[in-house]
Amino acid sequence: MHDEFLCHVTGYGTCDGRRIGVPLGTYRAPTLALALWWLRDRASWIADRLDPQPEAEYFPAGALVPVADTVLDVPAVMRAWCADPVQQELVAEALAAGRLIRIAAVDDTTEYELLAESVDAVRMHRTTSTLFTPVA
């Protein structure tokens, strides 16, 4: 069982023709349960920021417009992932087995990515890659 997990949230977009990643948060979870909680919290946070209530008083009239039906509804994808116990169990099993997990959703301008991995798995990968570095 892996005990500690590194969790990251990143938004990716294009600027000057290059793909740019903007870190939106990092958390070193001391337990699997806290790693899953943080990932769900960040997915909900993204959904709430992307799908605000248009009638809120702090938005000027006409500031928000609906997107085309062809654009993926990132907030709905994130909320569905948070509410799906089967997906939560699959992520928990993968993390417990030491595998990197990635949850991502893309709209017409941005990719939103949640990553988590075992600290032990990262250490083991670094150790094995340095042990078997080819010499010229």
N, C-alpha and C. Protein backbone atom coordinates (compact mmCIF):
# COMPACT_ATOMS: atom_id res chain seq x y z
N MET A 1 0.85 -1.19 0.00
CA MET A 1 0.00 0.00 0.00
C MET A 1 0.88 1.24 0.00
N HIS A 2 0.56 2.17 -0.84
CA HIS A 2 1.30 3.43 -0.92
C HIS A 2 0.68 4.40 0.08
N ASP A 3 1.55 5.12 0.80
CA ASP A 3 1.07 5.92 1.92
C ASP A 3 0.88 7.41 1.64
N GLU A 4 1.64 7.96 0.72
CA GLU A 4 1.60 9.40 0.46
C GLU A 4 1.41 9.63 -1.03
N PHE A 5 0.69 10.70 -1.37
CA PHE A 5 0.36 10.94 -2.77
C PHE A 5 0.57 12.40 -3.13
N LEU A 6 1.13 12.64 -4.32
CA LEU A 6 1.27 13.98 -4.86
C LEU A 6 0.11 14.22 -5.82
N CYS A 7 -0.59 15.31 -5.60
CA CYS A 7 -1.75 15.64 -6.42
C CYS A 7 -1.52 17.01 -7.06
N HIS A 8 -1.89 17.13 -8.33
CA HIS A 8 -1.68 18.38 -9.06
C HIS A 8 -2.92 18.71 -9.89
N VAL A 9 -3.19 20.00 -10.05
CA VAL A 9 -4.21 20.48 -10.97
C VAL A 9 -3.54 21.51 -11.87
N THR A 10 -3.74 21.34 -13.17
CA THR A 10 -3.11 22.24 -14.14
C THR A 10 -4.11 22.59 -15.23
N GLY A 11 -4.06 23.82 -15.67
CA GLY A 11 -4.83 24.26 -16.84
C GLY A 11 -3.86 24.48 -17.98
N TYR A 12 -4.19 23.96 -19.16
CA TYR A 12 -3.34 24.11 -20.34
C TYR A 12 -4.08 24.89 -21.41
N GLY A 13 -3.37 25.83 -22.01
CA GLY A 13 -3.92 26.60 -23.11
C GLY A 13 -2.83 26.89 -24.13
N THR A 14 -3.19 27.65 -25.14
CA THR A 14 -2.23 28.00 -26.19
C THR A 14 -1.97 29.50 -26.13
N CYS A 15 -0.70 29.86 -26.16
CA CYS A 15 -0.28 31.26 -26.15
C CYS A 15 0.87 31.40 -27.15
N ASP A 16 0.71 32.27 -28.11
CA ASP A 16 1.75 32.48 -29.12
C ASP A 16 2.08 31.18 -29.85
N GLY A 17 1.08 30.34 -30.04
CA GLY A 17 1.29 29.09 -30.75
C GLY A 17 1.93 27.99 -29.93
N ARG A 18 2.17 28.23 -28.65
CA ARG A 18 2.78 27.21 -27.78
C ARG A 18 1.79 26.78 -26.71
N ARG A 19 1.89 25.52 -26.35
CA ARG A 19 1.06 24.98 -25.27
C ARG A 19 1.68 25.40 -23.94
N ILE A 20 0.87 26.06 -23.11
CA ILE A 20 1.33 26.59 -21.83
C ILE A 20 0.51 25.96 -20.71
N GLY A 21 1.19 25.48 -19.69
CA GLY A 21 0.53 24.94 -18.52
C GLY A 21 0.59 25.92 -17.37
N VAL A 22 -0.53 26.10 -16.72
CA VAL A 22 -0.61 26.99 -15.56
C VAL A 22 -0.99 26.15 -14.34
N PRO A 23 -0.10 26.01 -13.37
CA PRO A 23 -0.43 25.24 -12.17
C PRO A 23 -1.58 25.90 -11.41
N LEU A 24 -2.59 25.12 -11.08
CA LEU A 24 -3.74 25.62 -10.34
C LEU A 24 -3.79 25.09 -8.91
N GLY A 25 -2.84 24.24 -8.57
CA GLY A 25 -2.79 23.74 -7.20
C GLY A 25 -2.02 22.45 -7.10
N THR A 26 -1.40 22.26 -5.95
CA THR A 26 -0.65 21.04 -5.65
C THR A 26 -0.92 20.69 -4.19
N TYR A 27 -0.99 19.39 -3.92
CA TYR A 27 -1.23 18.93 -2.55
C TYR A 27 -0.49 17.63 -2.34
N ARG A 28 0.20 17.54 -1.23
CA ARG A 28 0.87 16.28 -0.85
C ARG A 28 -0.02 15.63 0.20
N ALA A 29 -0.79 14.64 -0.23
CA ALA A 29 -1.77 14.00 0.64
C ALA A 29 -1.12 12.91 1.47
N PRO A 30 -1.31 12.94 2.78
CA PRO A 30 -0.70 11.92 3.63
C PRO A 30 -1.43 10.57 3.59
N THR A 31 -2.64 10.54 3.01
CA THR A 31 -3.39 9.29 2.91
C THR A 31 -4.11 9.22 1.57
N LEU A 32 -4.50 8.02 1.20
CA LEU A 32 -5.27 7.82 -0.02
C LEU A 32 -6.62 8.55 0.07
N ALA A 33 -7.27 8.47 1.21
CA ALA A 33 -8.57 9.13 1.38
C ALA A 33 -8.45 10.64 1.17
N LEU A 34 -7.39 11.26 1.70
CA LEU A 34 -7.21 12.70 1.52
C LEU A 34 -6.84 13.05 0.09
N ALA A 35 -6.12 12.19 -0.59
CA ALA A 35 -5.81 12.42 -2.01
C ALA A 35 -7.10 12.43 -2.82
N LEU A 36 -7.97 11.46 -2.59
CA LEU A 36 -9.24 11.40 -3.31
C LEU A 36 -10.13 12.60 -2.96
N TRP A 37 -10.16 12.96 -1.69
CA TRP A 37 -10.94 14.13 -1.28
C TRP A 37 -10.45 15.38 -2.00
N TRP A 38 -9.11 15.59 -2.04
CA TRP A 38 -8.55 16.78 -2.66
C TRP A 38 -8.87 16.81 -4.16
N LEU A 39 -8.74 15.67 -4.84
CA LEU A 39 -9.04 15.62 -6.27
C LEU A 39 -10.51 15.97 -6.53
N ARG A 40 -11.41 15.43 -5.73
CA ARG A 40 -12.84 15.76 -5.88
C ARG A 40 -13.08 17.24 -5.59
N ASP A 41 -12.43 17.76 -4.55
CA ASP A 41 -12.58 19.18 -4.20
C ASP A 41 -12.12 20.08 -5.33
N ARG A 42 -10.98 19.76 -5.92
CA ARG A 42 -10.46 20.57 -7.03
C ARG A 42 -11.32 20.44 -8.28
N ALA A 43 -11.84 19.24 -8.55
CA ALA A 43 -12.73 19.07 -9.70
C ALA A 43 -13.99 19.92 -9.51
N SER A 44 -14.53 19.93 -8.29
CA SER A 44 -15.70 20.75 -7.99
C SER A 44 -15.36 22.24 -8.10
N TRP A 45 -14.18 22.60 -7.63
CA TRP A 45 -13.72 23.99 -7.69
C TRP A 45 -13.66 24.46 -9.15
N ILE A 46 -13.09 23.63 -10.03
CA ILE A 46 -13.02 23.98 -11.45
C ILE A 46 -14.44 24.14 -12.01
N ALA A 47 -15.30 23.17 -11.71
CA ALA A 47 -16.67 23.22 -12.22
C ALA A 47 -17.39 24.48 -11.76
N ASP A 48 -17.24 24.83 -10.50
CA ASP A 48 -17.91 26.02 -9.96
C ASP A 48 -17.38 27.31 -10.58
N ARG A 49 -16.09 27.34 -10.90
CA ARG A 49 -15.52 28.55 -11.52
C ARG A 49 -15.93 28.67 -12.98
N LEU A 50 -16.07 27.56 -13.67
CA LEU A 50 -16.41 27.60 -15.09
C LEU A 50 -17.90 27.73 -15.34
N ASP A 51 -18.71 27.37 -14.36
CA ASP A 51 -20.15 27.36 -14.54
C ASP A 51 -20.83 28.17 -13.45
N PRO A 52 -20.56 29.49 -13.42
CA PRO A 52 -21.17 30.33 -12.38
C PRO A 52 -22.65 30.55 -12.67
N GLN A 53 -23.34 31.03 -11.69
CA GLN A 53 -24.75 31.35 -11.86
C GLN A 53 -24.87 32.69 -12.60
N PRO A 54 -25.44 32.71 -13.79
CA PRO A 54 -25.51 33.95 -14.58
C PRO A 54 -26.28 35.07 -13.89
N GLU A 55 -27.19 34.73 -13.00
CA GLU A 55 -27.98 35.76 -12.34
C GLU A 55 -27.27 36.39 -11.15
N ALA A 56 -26.06 35.94 -10.85
CA ALA A 56 -25.31 36.50 -9.72
C ALA A 56 -25.09 38.00 -9.94
N GLU A 57 -25.22 38.75 -8.86
CA GLU A 57 -25.16 40.22 -8.95
C GLU A 57 -23.80 40.76 -9.38
N TYR A 58 -22.74 39.98 -9.21
CA TYR A 58 -21.42 40.50 -9.55
C TYR A 58 -21.07 40.37 -11.04
N PHE A 59 -21.96 39.82 -11.84
CA PHE A 59 -21.73 39.76 -13.29
C PHE A 59 -22.54 40.86 -13.96
N PRO A 60 -21.87 41.70 -14.76
CA PRO A 60 -22.64 42.70 -15.50
C PRO A 60 -23.52 42.01 -16.54
N ALA A 61 -24.60 42.67 -16.90
CA ALA A 61 -25.52 42.11 -17.90
C ALA A 61 -24.75 41.80 -19.19
N GLY A 62 -24.97 40.61 -19.73
CA GLY A 62 -24.34 40.21 -20.99
C GLY A 62 -22.91 39.72 -20.86
N ALA A 63 -22.39 39.64 -19.64
CA ALA A 63 -20.99 39.21 -19.45
C ALA A 63 -20.81 37.72 -19.73
N LEU A 64 -21.84 36.94 -19.49
CA LEU A 64 -21.77 35.50 -19.71
C LEU A 64 -22.65 35.12 -20.90
N VAL A 65 -22.11 34.29 -21.75
CA VAL A 65 -22.88 33.80 -22.89
C VAL A 65 -22.75 32.28 -22.95
N PRO A 66 -23.78 31.58 -23.40
CA PRO A 66 -23.68 30.12 -23.50
C PRO A 66 -22.69 29.73 -24.60
N VAL A 67 -22.05 28.59 -24.41
CA VAL A 67 -21.15 28.08 -25.44
C VAL A 67 -21.95 27.21 -26.41
N ALA A 68 -21.35 26.93 -27.55
CA ALA A 68 -22.01 26.11 -28.56
C ALA A 68 -22.25 24.69 -28.03
N ASP A 69 -23.25 24.04 -28.56
CA ASP A 69 -23.56 22.66 -28.15
C ASP A 69 -22.44 21.69 -28.49
N THR A 70 -21.54 22.07 -29.39
CA THR A 70 -20.44 21.20 -29.80
C THR A 70 -19.26 21.24 -28.83
N VAL A 71 -19.28 22.19 -27.90
CA VAL A 71 -18.19 22.34 -26.94
C VAL A 71 -18.46 21.43 -25.73
N LEU A 72 -17.43 20.68 -25.34
CA LEU A 72 -17.57 19.80 -24.17
C LEU A 72 -17.90 20.62 -22.92
N ASP A 73 -18.83 20.15 -22.15
CA ASP A 73 -19.24 20.81 -20.91
C ASP A 73 -18.32 20.34 -19.79
N VAL A 74 -17.18 21.03 -19.63
CA VAL A 74 -16.18 20.64 -18.63
C VAL A 74 -16.77 20.60 -17.22
N PRO A 75 -17.55 21.60 -16.81
CA PRO A 75 -18.12 21.51 -15.46
C PRO A 75 -18.97 20.25 -15.26
N ALA A 76 -19.75 19.86 -16.26
CA ALA A 76 -20.57 18.65 -16.14
C ALA A 76 -19.69 17.41 -16.05
N VAL A 77 -18.59 17.37 -16.81
CA VAL A 77 -17.67 16.23 -16.76
C VAL A 77 -17.05 16.13 -15.38
N MET A 78 -16.59 17.25 -14.83
CA MET A 78 -15.97 17.25 -13.51
C MET A 78 -16.96 16.85 -12.42
N ARG A 79 -18.17 17.39 -12.50
CA ARG A 79 -19.18 17.04 -11.49
C ARG A 79 -19.59 15.57 -11.58
N ALA A 80 -19.69 15.06 -12.81
CA ALA A 80 -20.05 13.65 -12.99
C ALA A 80 -18.95 12.74 -12.41
N TRP A 81 -17.69 13.10 -12.64
CA TRP A 81 -16.59 12.30 -12.09
C TRP A 81 -16.65 12.30 -10.56
N CYS A 82 -16.90 13.44 -9.96
CA CYS A 82 -16.98 13.54 -8.50
C CYS A 82 -18.11 12.68 -7.93
N ALA A 83 -19.20 12.59 -8.66
CA ALA A 83 -20.38 11.89 -8.15
C ALA A 83 -20.41 10.40 -8.49
N ASP A 84 -19.43 9.91 -9.22
CA ASP A 84 -19.44 8.52 -9.68
C ASP A 84 -18.63 7.62 -8.75
N PRO A 85 -19.30 6.81 -7.92
CA PRO A 85 -18.56 5.96 -6.98
C PRO A 85 -17.71 4.90 -7.68
N VAL A 86 -18.11 4.46 -8.83
CA VAL A 86 -17.31 3.47 -9.57
C VAL A 86 -15.99 4.10 -10.01
N GLN A 87 -16.04 5.32 -10.54
CA GLN A 87 -14.82 6.02 -10.95
C GLN A 87 -13.92 6.29 -9.75
N GLN A 88 -14.53 6.66 -8.63
CA GLN A 88 -13.74 6.92 -7.43
C GLN A 88 -13.00 5.66 -6.98
N GLU A 89 -13.68 4.54 -7.05
CA GLU A 89 -13.06 3.27 -6.65
C GLU A 89 -11.93 2.89 -7.61
N LEU A 90 -12.12 3.12 -8.91
CA LEU A 90 -11.06 2.82 -9.88
C LEU A 90 -9.82 3.68 -9.63
N VAL A 91 -10.03 4.94 -9.34
CA VAL A 91 -8.91 5.84 -9.04
C VAL A 91 -8.21 5.39 -7.77
N ALA A 92 -8.98 5.04 -6.75
CA ALA A 92 -8.39 4.59 -5.49
C ALA A 92 -7.55 3.33 -5.69
N GLU A 93 -8.07 2.39 -6.46
CA GLU A 93 -7.33 1.15 -6.73
C GLU A 93 -6.04 1.43 -7.50
N ALA A 94 -6.11 2.31 -8.49
CA ALA A 94 -4.92 2.63 -9.29
C ALA A 94 -3.86 3.30 -8.42
N LEU A 95 -4.27 4.26 -7.61
CA LEU A 95 -3.31 4.93 -6.74
C LEU A 95 -2.71 3.97 -5.72
N ALA A 96 -3.55 3.13 -5.15
CA ALA A 96 -3.06 2.16 -4.16
C ALA A 96 -2.07 1.19 -4.79
N ALA A 97 -2.22 0.94 -6.09
CA ALA A 97 -1.30 0.04 -6.79
C ALA A 97 -0.04 0.76 -7.27
N GLY A 98 0.04 2.07 -7.03
CA GLY A 98 1.24 2.82 -7.41
C GLY A 98 1.20 3.39 -8.81
N ARG A 99 0.03 3.40 -9.45
CA ARG A 99 -0.07 3.94 -10.81
C ARG A 99 -0.45 5.42 -10.79
N LEU A 100 0.04 6.14 -11.76
CA LEU A 100 -0.31 7.54 -11.97
C LEU A 100 -1.74 7.59 -12.49
N ILE A 101 -2.55 8.50 -11.98
CA ILE A 101 -3.89 8.67 -12.52
C ILE A 101 -4.01 10.08 -13.09
N ARG A 102 -4.85 10.18 -14.14
CA ARG A 102 -5.06 11.46 -14.81
C ARG A 102 -6.54 11.57 -15.15
N ILE A 103 -7.13 12.68 -14.74
CA ILE A 103 -8.50 13.00 -15.11
C ILE A 103 -8.41 14.32 -15.86
N ALA A 104 -8.93 14.35 -17.07
CA ALA A 104 -8.80 15.56 -17.88
C ALA A 104 -10.09 15.82 -18.64
N ALA A 105 -10.36 17.09 -18.88
CA ALA A 105 -11.49 17.51 -19.71
C ALA A 105 -11.04 18.74 -20.49
N VAL A 106 -11.49 18.83 -21.73
CA VAL A 106 -11.06 19.89 -22.63
C VAL A 106 -12.28 20.62 -23.19
N ASP A 107 -12.27 21.94 -23.13
CA ASP A 107 -13.29 22.70 -23.83
C ASP A 107 -12.65 23.34 -25.06
N ASP A 108 -13.23 24.38 -25.62
CA ASP A 108 -12.69 24.94 -26.86
C ASP A 108 -11.42 25.76 -26.68
N THR A 109 -11.04 26.09 -25.45
CA THR A 109 -9.83 26.88 -25.24
C THR A 109 -8.82 26.28 -24.26
N THR A 110 -9.28 25.41 -23.38
CA THR A 110 -8.43 25.00 -22.26
C THR A 110 -8.60 23.52 -21.95
N GLU A 111 -7.50 22.89 -21.53
CA GLU A 111 -7.55 21.54 -20.99
C GLU A 111 -7.32 21.63 -19.48
N TYR A 112 -8.18 20.98 -18.72
CA TYR A 112 -8.07 20.95 -17.27
C TYR A 112 -7.66 19.54 -16.87
N GLU A 113 -6.57 19.44 -16.09
CA GLU A 113 -5.99 18.15 -15.78
C GLU A 113 -5.80 17.99 -14.28
N LEU A 114 -6.27 16.86 -13.76
CA LEU A 114 -6.02 16.45 -12.38
C LEU A 114 -5.09 15.25 -12.45
N LEU A 115 -3.98 15.31 -11.74
CA LEU A 115 -3.03 14.20 -11.69
C LEU A 115 -2.80 13.81 -10.23
N ALA A 116 -2.55 12.53 -10.02
CA ALA A 116 -2.14 12.07 -8.69
C ALA A 116 -1.24 10.86 -8.87
N GLU A 117 -0.27 10.75 -7.98
CA GLU A 117 0.65 9.62 -8.02
C GLU A 117 1.21 9.38 -6.63
N SER A 118 1.60 8.15 -6.41
CA SER A 118 2.18 7.75 -5.14
C SER A 118 3.58 8.33 -5.01
N VAL A 119 3.89 8.90 -3.86
CA VAL A 119 5.24 9.40 -3.59
C VAL A 119 6.23 8.23 -3.66
N ASP A 120 5.84 7.07 -3.13
CA ASP A 120 6.71 5.89 -3.18
C ASP A 120 6.99 5.47 -4.62
N ALA A 121 5.99 5.50 -5.48
CA ALA A 121 6.18 5.12 -6.87
C ALA A 121 7.12 6.09 -7.57
N VAL A 122 7.00 7.38 -7.28
CA VAL A 122 7.90 8.38 -7.86
C VAL A 122 9.33 8.10 -7.41
N ARG A 123 9.51 7.84 -6.13
CA ARG A 123 10.86 7.54 -5.60
C ARG A 123 11.43 6.29 -6.25
N MET A 124 10.61 5.24 -6.36
CA MET A 124 11.09 3.99 -6.96
C MET A 124 11.47 4.20 -8.42
N HIS A 125 10.68 4.99 -9.14
CA HIS A 125 10.99 5.26 -10.55
C HIS A 125 12.31 6.02 -10.68
N ARG A 126 12.50 7.03 -9.83
CA ARG A 126 13.76 7.79 -9.86
C ARG A 126 14.94 6.89 -9.53
N THR A 127 14.79 6.03 -8.55
CA THR A 127 15.87 5.14 -8.13
C THR A 127 16.23 4.17 -9.24
N THR A 128 15.23 3.53 -9.84
CA THR A 128 15.52 2.55 -10.88
C THR A 128 16.08 3.22 -12.13
N SER A 129 15.62 4.43 -12.45
CA SER A 129 16.15 5.08 -13.65
C SER A 129 17.60 5.51 -13.45
N THR A 130 17.99 5.85 -12.22
CA THR A 130 19.39 6.21 -11.99
C THR A 130 20.28 4.97 -11.87
N LEU A 131 19.71 3.87 -11.44
CA LEU A 131 20.49 2.62 -11.34
C LEU A 131 20.83 2.06 -12.71
N PHE A 132 19.97 2.30 -13.68
CA PHE A 132 20.17 1.69 -15.00
C PHE A 132 20.40 2.73 -16.09
N THR A 133 21.12 3.79 -15.77
CA THR A 133 21.45 4.81 -16.76
C THR A 133 22.56 4.28 -17.66
N PRO A 134 22.29 4.26 -18.99
CA PRO A 134 23.34 3.75 -19.91
C PRO A 134 24.55 4.68 -19.93
N VAL A 135 25.70 4.07 -20.06
CA VAL A 135 26.96 4.82 -20.13
C VAL A 135 27.47 4.73 -21.55
N ALA A 136 27.91 5.85 -22.08
CA ALA A 136 28.37 5.88 -23.49
C ALA A 136 29.68 5.16 -23.67
